[in-house]
Amino acid sequence: MSETTPNLITLGDCIRVFARRTKWTPTDDLAFYDEPPLYDLPSKPIRVSVTFTWDVDKAKSLAYSWGRRYPGRRIEIGGPACMAGADDFVPGRFLRSGITITSRGCPKRCPWCLVSKAEGRLREIPIQPGYIVQDNNLLACSRKHIEKVFDMLRQQNRGIKFSGGLDIDYLSAWHVDLLKTIKVAELWVACDTESALHKLDKARDMLWDFPTEKKRCYVLMGFGDDTPDRAERRCEAVYDKGFLPFAQFYQGPQAKPYMPHDSPWFWVRHKWSRPAIYRSTVGT
């Protein structure tokens, strides 16, 4: 290798190429987001990861470019957009350092969610260290597994973020007792429909000891016959119940990467995904 070659580190057994850079993607020297570099890389398989359906064509183009640069190398395209299932979790491989996933799949089959189709039924996988828990449905796991997850979380020297979400349907008193044994940074729940608003009363009562700053709520909007006015009212109701809403606009299979500014949904989503905006207008 030349003197200008970066100091490469090994993460698993492959070079990773990402169709899009996000806050979740890794930034080590074996993670790439574009065409192959001019310097030579270790003789490892190349895996192109694509998260969003609108990036599938770009992922195919990247696979072609990397195949020309490294003929004979094994090149695979995978990721959530490919609906190809999911293996055990390897820290830092396809998600940046600090994120952990301890289970795959989900026992539910919500019509707006592809998790059960992509990953199948819920299964517990080996627990890897991390402080950002990204499981699709951690609370649906067995008590034994969840207690082991919290044993791991107590070893982390960071505030814990449950950004994968805590399913209110499964939330129990013993879960709350476990939450009180760790340093919590963010507790995420979800309100996917108007009829689900009443469930937040349960979460509000059970998570009363945690301040509003730490209680976040994903609010699905744009699914089915939803309208911007109805979505805004849901966000206001979520806020009134003591949670900070985070708008998630429904992205169907034919979704596009960007929403035009003249869309009636644009400003609703913009406002309700930024606490600094809606707290200044709705009140504190």
C-alpha atoms as a PDB file:
ATOM      1  CA  MET A   1       0.000   0.000   0.000  1.00  0.00           C
ATOM      2  CA  SER A   2       1.124   3.561  -0.587  1.00  0.00           C
ATOM      3  CA  GLU A   3       2.149   5.934   2.186  1.00  0.00           C
ATOM      4  CA  THR A   4      -1.118   7.819   1.701  1.00  0.00           C
ATOM      5  CA  THR A   5      -3.276   4.801   2.435  1.00  0.00           C
ATOM      6  CA  PRO A   6      -5.378   5.346   5.597  1.00  0.00           C
ATOM      7  CA  ASN A   7      -4.817   3.230   8.670  1.00  0.00           C
ATOM      8  CA  LEU A   8      -7.432   0.573   7.998  1.00  0.00           C
ATOM      9  CA  ILE A   9      -9.260  -1.178  10.803  1.00  0.00           C
ATOM     10  CA  THR A  10     -11.096  -4.461  10.610  1.00  0.00           C
ATOM     11  CA  LEU A  11     -14.833  -4.615  11.266  1.00  0.00           C
ATOM     12  CA  GLY A  12     -16.079  -8.073  10.534  1.00  0.00           C
ATOM     13  CA  ASP A  13     -15.027  -9.664   7.270  1.00  0.00           C
ATOM     14  CA  CYS A  14     -16.059  -7.160   4.605  1.00  0.00           C
ATOM     15  CA  ILE A  15     -15.715  -3.723   3.060  1.00  0.00           C
ATOM     16  CA  ARG A  16     -18.988  -1.806   3.330  1.00  0.00           C
ATOM     17  CA  VAL A  17     -20.336   0.581   0.702  1.00  0.00           C
ATOM     18  CA  PHE A  18     -23.400   2.681   1.601  1.00  0.00           C
ATOM     19  CA  ALA A  19     -25.831   4.146  -0.905  1.00  0.00           C
ATOM     20  CA  ARG A  20     -26.531   7.072   1.427  1.00  0.00           C
ATOM     21  CA  ARG A  21     -24.772   8.636   4.417  1.00  0.00           C
ATOM     22  CA  THR A  22     -26.991   9.183   7.458  1.00  0.00           C
ATOM     23  CA  LYS A  23     -26.404   9.893  11.136  1.00  0.00           C
ATOM     24  CA  TRP A  24     -26.562   6.137  11.721  1.00  0.00           C
ATOM     25  CA  THR A  25     -23.977   4.952   9.200  1.00  0.00           C
ATOM     26  CA  PRO A  26     -20.388   4.179  10.294  1.00  0.00           C
ATOM     27  CA  THR A  27     -17.418   6.401   9.459  1.00  0.00           C
ATOM     28  CA  ASP A  28     -14.429   4.059   9.855  1.00  0.00           C
ATOM     29  CA  ASP A  29     -11.841   3.588   7.122  1.00  0.00           C
ATOM     30  CA  LEU A  30     -13.555   0.542   5.603  1.00  0.00           C
ATOM     31  CA  ALA A  31     -16.907   2.320   5.148  1.00  0.00           C
ATOM     32  CA  PHE A  32     -17.475   4.105   1.816  1.00  0.00           C
ATOM     33  CA  TYR A  33     -20.252   6.199   0.284  1.00  0.00           C
ATOM     34  CA  ASP A  34     -19.126   6.659  -3.300  1.00  0.00           C
ATOM     35  CA  GLU A  35     -16.936   5.271  -6.040  1.00  0.00           C
ATOM     36  CA  PRO A  36     -13.918   3.108  -5.069  1.00  0.00           C
ATOM     37  CA  PRO A  37     -10.851   5.027  -3.808  1.00  0.00           C
ATOM     38  CA  LEU A  38      -7.628   5.153  -5.797  1.00  0.00           C
ATOM     39  CA  TYR A  39      -5.639   3.316  -3.132  1.00  0.00           C
ATOM     40  CA  ASP A  40      -5.831  -0.471  -2.760  1.00  0.00           C
ATOM     41  CA  LEU A  41      -8.013  -2.065  -0.112  1.00  0.00           C
ATOM     42  CA  PRO A  42      -7.680  -5.394   1.736  1.00  0.00           C
ATOM     43  CA  SER A  43      -8.770  -8.512  -0.089  1.00  0.00           C
ATOM     44  CA  LYS A  44     -12.214  -8.742   1.494  1.00  0.00           C
ATOM     45  CA  PRO A  45     -15.733  -9.202   0.094  1.00  0.00           C
ATOM     46  CA  ILE A  46     -17.621  -6.000  -0.673  1.00  0.00           C
ATOM     47  CA  ARG A  47     -21.141  -5.492   0.668  1.00  0.00           C
ATOM     48  CA  VAL A  48     -23.278  -2.642  -0.653  1.00  0.00           C
ATOM     49  CA  SER A  49     -25.884  -1.566   1.875  1.00  0.00           C
ATOM     50  CA  VAL A  50     -29.092   0.197   0.832  1.00  0.00           C
ATOM     51  CA  THR A  51     -31.619   1.405   3.397  1.00  0.00           C
ATOM     52  CA  PHE A  52     -34.147   3.277   1.257  1.00  0.00           C
ATOM     53  CA  THR A  53     -35.985   1.960  -1.794  1.00  0.00           C
ATOM     54  CA  TRP A  54     -35.230   5.129  -3.768  1.00  0.00           C
ATOM     55  CA  ASP A  55     -31.512   4.320  -3.486  1.00  0.00           C
ATOM     56  CA  VAL A  56     -31.696   0.818  -4.975  1.00  0.00           C
ATOM     57  CA  ASP A  57     -30.589   1.988  -8.437  1.00  0.00           C
ATOM     58  CA  LYS A  58     -27.685   3.892  -6.917  1.00  0.00           C
ATOM     59  CA  ALA A  59     -26.682   0.801  -4.950  1.00  0.00           C
ATOM     60  CA  LYS A  60     -26.644  -1.247  -8.167  1.00  0.00           C
ATOM     61  CA  SER A  61     -24.502   1.414  -9.845  1.00  0.00           C
ATOM     62  CA  LEU A  62     -22.057   1.392  -6.933  1.00  0.00           C
ATOM     63  CA  ALA A  63     -21.858  -2.402  -7.028  1.00  0.00           C
ATOM     64  CA  TYR A  64     -21.017  -2.215 -10.730  1.00  0.00           C
ATOM     65  CA  SER A  65     -18.283   0.406 -10.154  1.00  0.00           C
ATOM     66  CA  TRP A  66     -16.723  -1.521  -7.295  1.00  0.00           C
ATOM     67  CA  GLY A  67     -16.876  -4.719  -9.350  1.00  0.00           C
ATOM     68  CA  ARG A  68     -14.940  -3.057 -12.167  1.00  0.00           C
ATOM     69  CA  ARG A  69     -12.351  -1.739  -9.695  1.00  0.00           C
ATOM     70  CA  TYR A  70     -11.973  -5.118  -7.986  1.00  0.00           C
ATOM     71  CA  PRO A  71     -12.779  -7.828 -10.576  1.00  0.00           C
ATOM     72  CA  GLY A  72     -13.225 -11.241  -9.057  1.00  0.00           C
ATOM     73  CA  ARG A  73     -14.225  -9.908  -5.649  1.00  0.00           C
ATOM     74  CA  ARG A  74     -17.440 -11.149  -4.101  1.00  0.00           C
ATOM     75  CA  ILE A  75     -19.914  -8.231  -4.178  1.00  0.00           C
ATOM     76  CA  GLU A  76     -23.344  -8.345  -2.542  1.00  0.00           C
ATOM     77  CA  ILE A  77     -26.192  -5.856  -2.309  1.00  0.00           C
ATOM     78  CA  GLY A  78     -28.304  -5.975   0.843  1.00  0.00           C
ATOM     79  CA  GLY A  79     -29.985  -3.903   3.504  1.00  0.00           C
ATOM     80  CA  PRO A  80     -33.542  -3.038   4.572  1.00  0.00           C
ATOM     81  CA  ALA A  81     -34.562  -1.906   1.073  1.00  0.00           C
ATOM     82  CA  CYS A  82     -33.836  -5.378  -0.278  1.00  0.00           C
ATOM     83  CA  MET A  83     -36.150  -7.171   2.162  1.00  0.00           C
ATOM     84  CA  ALA A  84     -33.495  -9.838   2.522  1.00  0.00           C
ATOM     85  CA  GLY A  85     -33.789 -10.564   6.243  1.00  0.00           C
ATOM     86  CA  ALA A  86     -31.175  -9.769   8.869  1.00  0.00           C
ATOM     87  CA  ASP A  87     -28.274 -11.636  10.457  1.00  0.00           C
ATOM     88  CA  ASP A  88     -26.955 -11.382  13.991  1.00  0.00           C
ATOM     89  CA  PHE A  89     -25.787  -7.884  14.839  1.00  0.00           C
ATOM     90  CA  VAL A  90     -22.114  -6.903  14.443  1.00  0.00           C
ATOM     91  CA  PRO A  91     -21.310  -3.605  16.214  1.00  0.00           C
ATOM     92  CA  GLY A  92     -20.003  -0.920  13.890  1.00  0.00           C
ATOM     93  CA  ARG A  93     -20.478  -2.902  10.677  1.00  0.00           C
ATOM     94  CA  PHE A  94     -23.600  -1.334   9.146  1.00  0.00           C
ATOM     95  CA  LEU A  95     -24.517   1.043  11.976  1.00  0.00           C
ATOM     96  CA  ARG A  96     -22.149   3.458  13.654  1.00  0.00           C
ATOM     97  CA  SER A  97     -20.392   2.670  16.892  1.00  0.00           C
ATOM     98  CA  GLY A  98     -22.591   2.906  19.969  1.00  0.00           C
ATOM     99  CA  ILE A  99     -25.711   1.406  18.381  1.00  0.00           C
ATOM    100  CA  THR A 100     -26.816  -2.079  19.357  1.00  0.00           C
ATOM    101  CA  ILE A 101     -29.568  -4.439  18.213  1.00  0.00           C
ATOM    102  CA  THR A 102     -30.398  -7.405  20.454  1.00  0.00           C
ATOM    103  CA  SER A 103     -33.398  -8.857  18.609  1.00  0.00           C
ATOM    104  CA  ARG A 104     -34.729  -9.127  15.072  1.00  0.00           C
ATOM    105  CA  GLY A 105     -38.240  -9.109  13.709  1.00  0.00           C
ATOM    106  CA  CYS A 106     -41.511  -8.261  15.447  1.00  0.00           C
ATOM    107  CA  PRO A 107     -44.573 -10.249  16.575  1.00  0.00           C
ATOM    108  CA  LYS A 108     -46.895  -7.576  15.180  1.00  0.00           C
ATOM    109  CA  ARG A 109     -47.901  -7.044  11.555  1.00  0.00           C
ATOM    110  CA  CYS A 110     -48.814  -3.387  11.365  1.00  0.00           C
ATOM    111  CA  PRO A 111     -49.919  -2.478   7.805  1.00  0.00           C
ATOM    112  CA  TRP A 112     -47.523   0.471   7.559  1.00  0.00           C
ATOM    113  CA  CYS A 113     -44.454  -1.451   8.763  1.00  0.00           C
ATOM    114  CA  LEU A 114     -42.254  -3.841   6.767  1.00  0.00           C
ATOM    115  CA  VAL A 115     -40.297  -5.279   9.701  1.00  0.00           C
ATOM    116  CA  SER A 116     -42.253  -8.526  10.002  1.00  0.00           C
ATOM    117  CA  LYS A 117     -41.997  -9.067   6.244  1.00  0.00           C
ATOM    118  CA  ALA A 118     -38.301  -8.240   6.063  1.00  0.00           C
ATOM    119  CA  GLU A 119     -37.087  -9.906   9.277  1.00  0.00           C
ATOM    120  CA  GLY A 120     -39.831 -12.359  10.133  1.00  0.00           C
ATOM    121  CA  ARG A 121     -40.992 -13.338  13.572  1.00  0.00           C
ATOM    122  CA  LEU A 122     -39.290 -11.992  16.671  1.00  0.00           C
ATOM    123  CA  ARG A 123     -36.030 -13.711  17.598  1.00  0.00           C
ATOM    124  CA  GLU A 124     -33.506 -12.851  20.260  1.00  0.00           C
ATOM    125  CA  ILE A 125     -29.891 -12.607  19.120  1.00  0.00           C
ATOM    126  CA  PRO A 126     -26.571 -12.378  21.002  1.00  0.00           C
ATOM    127  CA  ILE A 127     -26.322  -9.149  22.982  1.00  0.00           C
ATOM    128  CA  GLN A 128     -23.602  -6.750  21.885  1.00  0.00           C
ATOM    129  CA  PRO A 129     -22.579  -3.637  23.851  1.00  0.00           C
ATOM    130  CA  GLY A 130     -23.989  -0.229  22.961  1.00  0.00           C
ATOM    131  CA  TYR A 131     -25.909   2.689  24.422  1.00  0.00           C
ATOM    132  CA  ILE A 132     -28.391   3.308  21.565  1.00  0.00           C
ATOM    133  CA  VAL A 133     -30.886   0.417  21.514  1.00  0.00           C
ATOM    134  CA  GLN A 134     -32.354   0.022  18.027  1.00  0.00           C
ATOM    135  CA  ASP A 135     -34.429  -3.163  18.409  1.00  0.00           C
ATOM    136  CA  ASN A 136     -37.708  -3.141  16.499  1.00  0.00           C
ATOM    137  CA  ASN A 137     -39.608  -4.353  19.561  1.00  0.00           C
ATOM    138  CA  LEU A 138     -37.367  -4.904  22.572  1.00  0.00           C
ATOM    139  CA  LEU A 139     -40.223  -5.187  25.072  1.00  0.00           C
ATOM    140  CA  ALA A 140     -41.706  -8.131  23.153  1.00  0.00           C
ATOM    141  CA  CYS A 141     -38.634 -10.182  24.074  1.00  0.00           C
ATOM    142  CA  SER A 142     -38.504 -12.561  27.022  1.00  0.00           C
ATOM    143  CA  ARG A 143     -37.895 -11.216  30.514  1.00  0.00           C
ATOM    144  CA  LYS A 144     -34.634 -13.162  30.717  1.00  0.00           C
ATOM    145  CA  HIS A 145     -33.352 -11.518  27.532  1.00  0.00           C
ATOM    146  CA  ILE A 146     -34.448  -8.020  28.544  1.00  0.00           C
ATOM    147  CA  GLU A 147     -32.792  -8.343  31.952  1.00  0.00           C
ATOM    148  CA  LYS A 148     -29.549  -9.369  30.237  1.00  0.00           C
ATOM    149  CA  VAL A 149     -29.846  -6.323  27.955  1.00  0.00           C
ATOM    150  CA  PHE A 150     -30.114  -4.086  31.014  1.00  0.00           C
ATOM    151  CA  ASP A 151     -27.130  -5.822  32.599  1.00  0.00           C
ATOM    152  CA  MET A 152     -25.191  -4.714  29.506  1.00  0.00           C
ATOM    153  CA  LEU A 153     -26.635  -1.204  29.571  1.00  0.00           C
ATOM    154  CA  ARG A 154     -25.505  -0.673  33.169  1.00  0.00           C
ATOM    155  CA  GLN A 155     -21.931  -1.132  31.971  1.00  0.00           C
ATOM    156  CA  GLN A 156     -22.187   1.760  29.505  1.00  0.00           C
ATOM    157  CA  ASN A 157     -20.785   5.117  30.530  1.00  0.00           C
ATOM    158  CA  ARG A 158     -23.368   7.041  28.513  1.00  0.00           C
ATOM    159  CA  GLY A 159     -27.011   7.976  28.778  1.00  0.00           C
ATOM    160  CA  ILE A 160     -29.073   5.217  27.158  1.00  0.00           C
ATOM    161  CA  LYS A 161     -31.297   5.977  24.166  1.00  0.00           C
ATOM    162  CA  PHE A 162     -34.142   3.614  23.272  1.00  0.00           C
ATOM    163  CA  SER A 163     -34.511   4.993  19.755  1.00  0.00           C
ATOM    164  CA  GLY A 164     -35.909   1.705  18.443  1.00  0.00           C
ATOM    165  CA  GLY A 165     -38.954   2.394  20.590  1.00  0.00           C
ATOM    166  CA  LEU A 166     -40.659   0.898  23.634  1.00  0.00           C
ATOM    167  CA  ASP A 167     -43.955  -0.705  22.616  1.00  0.00           C
ATOM    168  CA  ILE A 168     -46.654   0.577  24.975  1.00  0.00           C
ATOM    169  CA  ASP A 169     -48.687  -2.623  24.480  1.00  0.00           C
ATOM    170  CA  TYR A 170     -45.905  -4.588  26.206  1.00  0.00           C
ATOM    171  CA  LEU A 171     -44.811  -1.953  28.717  1.00  0.00           C
ATOM    172  CA  SER A 172     -45.061  -3.337  32.276  1.00  0.00           C
ATOM    173  CA  ALA A 173     -44.125  -2.209  35.761  1.00  0.00           C
ATOM    174  CA  TRP A 174     -41.018  -4.393  35.838  1.00  0.00           C
ATOM    175  CA  HIS A 175     -39.778  -2.700  32.658  1.00  0.00           C
ATOM    176  CA  VAL A 176     -40.080   0.659  34.407  1.00  0.00           C
ATOM    177  CA  ASP A 177     -38.194  -0.719  37.413  1.00  0.00           C
ATOM    178  CA  LEU A 178     -35.369  -1.739  35.088  1.00  0.00           C
ATOM    179  CA  LEU A 179     -35.364   1.683  33.413  1.00  0.00           C
ATOM    180  CA  LYS A 180     -34.782   3.251  36.821  1.00  0.00           C
ATOM    181  CA  THR A 181     -31.566   1.234  37.231  1.00  0.00           C
ATOM    182  CA  ILE A 182     -29.799   2.914  34.299  1.00  0.00           C
ATOM    183  CA  LYS A 183     -29.005   6.429  33.159  1.00  0.00           C
ATOM    184  CA  VAL A 184     -31.733   7.204  30.610  1.00  0.00           C
ATOM    185  CA  ALA A 185     -31.178   9.802  27.891  1.00  0.00           C
ATOM    186  CA  GLU A 186     -34.193   9.138  25.640  1.00  0.00           C
ATOM    187  CA  LEU A 187     -37.301   6.972  25.981  1.00  0.00           C
ATOM    188  CA  TRP A 188     -39.134   6.565  22.668  1.00  0.00           C
ATOM    189  CA  VAL A 189     -42.701   5.336  22.284  1.00  0.00           C
ATOM    190  CA  ALA A 190     -45.021   5.528  19.257  1.00  0.00           C
ATOM    191  CA  CYS A 191     -48.464   6.845  18.375  1.00  0.00           C
ATOM    192  CA  ASP A 192     -49.192   5.476  14.906  1.00  0.00           C
ATOM    193  CA  THR A 193     -52.933   6.143  14.747  1.00  0.00           C
ATOM    194  CA  GLU A 194     -55.515   8.453  16.275  1.00  0.00           C
ATOM    195  CA  SER A 195     -57.027   5.513  18.149  1.00  0.00           C
ATOM    196  CA  ALA A 196     -53.629   4.870  19.762  1.00  0.00           C
ATOM    197  CA  LEU A 197     -53.663   8.207  21.585  1.00  0.00           C
ATOM    198  CA  HIS A 198     -55.319   6.642  24.632  1.00  0.00           C
ATOM    199  CA  LYS A 199     -52.341   4.288  25.019  1.00  0.00           C
ATOM    200  CA  LEU A 200     -50.177   7.284  25.764  1.00  0.00           C
ATOM    201  CA  ASP A 201     -52.140   7.726  28.979  1.00  0.00           C
ATOM    202  CA  LYS A 202     -50.756   4.384  30.113  1.00  0.00           C
ATOM    203  CA  ALA A 203     -47.212   5.372  29.114  1.00  0.00           C
ATOM    204  CA  ARG A 204     -47.602   8.800  30.721  1.00  0.00           C
ATOM    205  CA  ASP A 205     -48.686   7.270  34.031  1.00  0.00           C
ATOM    206  CA  MET A 206     -46.030   4.550  34.053  1.00  0.00           C
ATOM    207  CA  LEU A 207     -43.177   6.859  32.995  1.00  0.00           C
ATOM    208  CA  TRP A 208     -44.208   9.716  35.248  1.00  0.00           C
ATOM    209  CA  ASP A 209     -40.825   9.846  37.014  1.00  0.00           C
ATOM    210  CA  PHE A 210     -39.005  10.667  33.772  1.00  0.00           C
ATOM    211  CA  PRO A 211     -38.961  14.305  32.596  1.00  0.00           C
ATOM    212  CA  THR A 212     -40.596  15.397  29.351  1.00  0.00           C
ATOM    213  CA  GLU A 213     -37.158  16.141  27.862  1.00  0.00           C
ATOM    214  CA  LYS A 214     -36.442  12.414  27.921  1.00  0.00           C
ATOM    215  CA  LYS A 215     -39.817  11.189  26.675  1.00  0.00           C
ATOM    216  CA  ARG A 216     -40.144  11.168  22.885  1.00  0.00           C
ATOM    217  CA  CYS A 217     -42.927   9.860  20.676  1.00  0.00           C
ATOM    218  CA  TYR A 218     -42.839   8.837  17.020  1.00  0.00           C
ATOM    219  CA  VAL A 219     -46.021  10.080  15.335  1.00  0.00           C
ATOM    220  CA  LEU A 220     -46.876   8.377  12.040  1.00  0.00           C
ATOM    221  CA  MET A 221     -48.558  10.670   9.537  1.00  0.00           C
ATOM    222  CA  GLY A 222     -49.705  10.396   5.944  1.00  0.00           C
ATOM    223  CA  PHE A 223     -50.849   6.757   6.080  1.00  0.00           C
ATOM    224  CA  GLY A 224     -54.224   5.763   4.631  1.00  0.00           C
ATOM    225  CA  ASP A 225     -56.797   8.545   4.764  1.00  0.00           C
ATOM    226  CA  ASP A 226     -54.758  10.744   7.107  1.00  0.00           C
ATOM    227  CA  THR A 227     -54.741  14.506   6.495  1.00  0.00           C
ATOM    228  CA  PRO A 228     -52.302  17.268   7.541  1.00  0.00           C
ATOM    229  CA  ASP A 229     -54.895  18.784   9.901  1.00  0.00           C
ATOM    230  CA  ARG A 230     -55.580  15.480  11.620  1.00  0.00           C
ATOM    231  CA  ALA A 231     -51.874  14.744  11.883  1.00  0.00           C
ATOM    232  CA  GLU A 232     -51.212  18.122  13.481  1.00  0.00           C
ATOM    233  CA  ARG A 233     -53.967  17.581  16.021  1.00  0.00           C
ATOM    234  CA  ARG A 234     -52.434  14.200  16.934  1.00  0.00           C
ATOM    235  CA  CYS A 235     -49.048  15.822  17.472  1.00  0.00           C
ATOM    236  CA  GLU A 236     -50.626  18.472  19.682  1.00  0.00           C
ATOM    237  CA  ALA A 237     -52.388  15.763  21.703  1.00  0.00           C
ATOM    238  CA  VAL A 238     -49.118  13.831  22.105  1.00  0.00           C
ATOM    239  CA  TYR A 239     -47.405  17.001  23.310  1.00  0.00           C
ATOM    240  CA  ASP A 240     -50.222  17.704  25.783  1.00  0.00           C
ATOM    241  CA  LYS A 241     -49.726  14.224  27.254  1.00  0.00           C
ATOM    242  CA  GLY A 242     -46.123  15.030  28.157  1.00  0.00           C
ATOM    243  CA  PHE A 243     -44.168  13.593  25.226  1.00  0.00           C
ATOM    244  CA  LEU A 244     -42.076  15.381  22.608  1.00  0.00           C
ATOM    245  CA  PRO A 245     -43.561  14.368  19.219  1.00  0.00           C
ATOM    246  CA  PHE A 246     -41.386  13.412  16.271  1.00  0.00           C
ATOM    247  CA  ALA A 247     -43.254  13.318  12.965  1.00  0.00           C
ATOM    248  CA  GLN A 248     -42.625  10.335  10.696  1.00  0.00           C
ATOM    249  CA  PHE A 249     -44.208  10.707   7.282  1.00  0.00           C
ATOM    250  CA  TYR A 250     -45.275   7.373   5.818  1.00  0.00           C
ATOM    251  CA  GLN A 251     -42.875   6.199   3.115  1.00  0.00           C
ATOM    252  CA  GLY A 252     -44.467   3.606   0.862  1.00  0.00           C
ATOM    253  CA  PRO A 253     -42.637   1.318  -1.582  1.00  0.00           C
ATOM    254  CA  GLN A 254     -42.729   4.025  -4.273  1.00  0.00           C
ATOM    255  CA  ALA A 255     -41.465   6.767  -1.965  1.00  0.00           C
ATOM    256  CA  LYS A 256     -39.235   9.555  -3.184  1.00  0.00           C
ATOM    257  CA  PRO A 257     -36.256  10.872  -1.211  1.00  0.00           C
ATOM    258  CA  TYR A 258     -37.444  14.462  -0.965  1.00  0.00           C
ATOM    259  CA  MET A 259     -40.809  16.043  -0.236  1.00  0.00           C
ATOM    260  CA  PRO A 260     -41.538  19.174  -2.324  1.00  0.00           C
ATOM    261  CA  HIS A 261     -42.010  22.380  -0.346  1.00  0.00           C
ATOM    262  CA  ASP A 262     -45.433  22.920  -1.893  1.00  0.00           C
ATOM    263  CA  SER A 263     -46.728  19.627  -0.507  1.00  0.00           C
ATOM    264  CA  PRO A 264     -49.452  20.166   2.140  1.00  0.00           C
ATOM    265  CA  TRP A 265     -47.512  17.760   4.341  1.00  0.00           C
ATOM    266  CA  PHE A 266     -44.171  19.546   4.163  1.00  0.00           C
ATOM    267  CA  TRP A 267     -44.601  22.142   6.901  1.00  0.00           C
ATOM    268  CA  VAL A 268     -46.508  19.806   9.212  1.00  0.00           C
ATOM    269  CA  ARG A 269     -43.672  17.326   9.101  1.00  0.00           C
ATOM    270  CA  HIS A 270     -41.070  20.097   9.311  1.00  0.00           C
ATOM    271  CA  LYS A 271     -42.662  21.663  12.384  1.00  0.00           C
ATOM    272  CA  TRP A 272     -43.390  18.484  14.300  1.00  0.00           C
ATOM    273  CA  SER A 273     -39.966  16.929  13.817  1.00  0.00           C
ATOM    274  CA  ARG A 274     -38.239  19.907  15.452  1.00  0.00           C
ATOM    275  CA  PRO A 275     -39.003  20.508  19.140  1.00  0.00           C
ATOM    276  CA  ALA A 276     -37.428  23.974  19.036  1.00  0.00           C
ATOM    277  CA  ILE A 277     -40.075  25.029  16.509  1.00  0.00           C
ATOM    278  CA  TYR A 278     -43.224  23.539  17.983  1.00  0.00           C
ATOM    279  CA  ARG A 279     -42.313  24.353  21.581  1.00  0.00           C
ATOM    280  CA  SER A 280     -41.994  28.009  20.640  1.00  0.00           C
ATOM    281  CA  THR A 281     -45.422  28.033  19.011  1.00  0.00           C
ATOM    282  CA  VAL A 282     -47.469  25.558  21.079  1.00  0.00           C
ATOM    283  CA  GLY A 283     -45.944  26.478  24.447  1.00  0.00           C
ATOM    284  CA  THR A 284     -43.986  24.613  27.076  1.00  0.00           C
END
